[in-house]
Amino acid sequence: MEMWGKDFGLVLVLSKVHNDVLALGFTLTSQLMVNNSVSRTN
């Protein structure tokens, strides 16, 4: 049971990191798309 608890904690940490990475990637992608749109209109 103790090991399972540790694994569960690890899974929670990994899923949080995964969500942070996804959010960061989404932000960067949005920024790039906005920059491309701006440079095209100029």
Protein backbone atom coordinates (compact mmCIF):
# COMPACT_ATOMS: atom_id res chain seq x y z
CA MET A 1 0.00 0.00 0.00
CA GLU A 2 2.88 2.33 0.80
CA MET A 3 4.46 1.83 -2.61
CA TRP A 4 1.11 2.42 -4.33
CA GLY A 5 0.79 5.70 -2.44
CA LYS A 6 4.21 6.80 -3.70
CA ASP A 7 3.35 5.81 -7.27
CA PHE A 8 0.08 7.72 -7.05
CA GLY A 9 1.94 10.82 -5.87
CA LEU A 10 4.36 10.45 -8.76
CA VAL A 11 1.48 10.16 -11.22
CA LEU A 12 -0.07 13.34 -9.82
CA VAL A 13 3.22 15.22 -10.15
CA LEU A 14 3.76 13.94 -13.69
CA SER A 15 0.24 14.90 -14.75
CA LYS A 16 0.71 18.39 -13.31
CA VAL A 17 4.03 18.77 -15.14
CA HIS A 18 2.37 17.46 -18.31
CA ASN A 19 -0.41 20.05 -17.98
CA ASP A 20 2.14 22.81 -17.39
CA VAL A 21 4.07 21.76 -20.50
CA LEU A 22 0.87 21.68 -22.56
CA ALA A 23 -0.13 25.13 -21.31
CA LEU A 24 3.34 26.49 -22.07
CA GLY A 25 3.31 24.96 -25.56
CA PHE A 26 -0.14 26.39 -26.21
CA THR A 27 0.99 29.85 -25.06
CA LEU A 28 4.10 29.75 -27.24
CA THR A 29 2.11 28.53 -30.25
CA SER A 30 -0.47 31.29 -29.79
CA GLN A 31 2.31 33.87 -29.48
CA LEU A 32 3.94 32.65 -32.70
CA MET A 33 0.63 32.73 -34.56
CA VAL A 34 -0.05 36.28 -33.36
CA ASN A 35 3.47 37.36 -34.35
CA ASN A 36 3.03 35.83 -37.82
CA SER A 37 -0.31 37.59 -38.29
CA VAL A 38 1.17 40.93 -37.23
CA SER A 39 4.21 40.60 -39.50
CA ARG A 40 1.95 39.69 -42.44
CA THR A 41 -0.27 42.76 -42.06
CA ASN A 42 2.71 45.14 -41.88
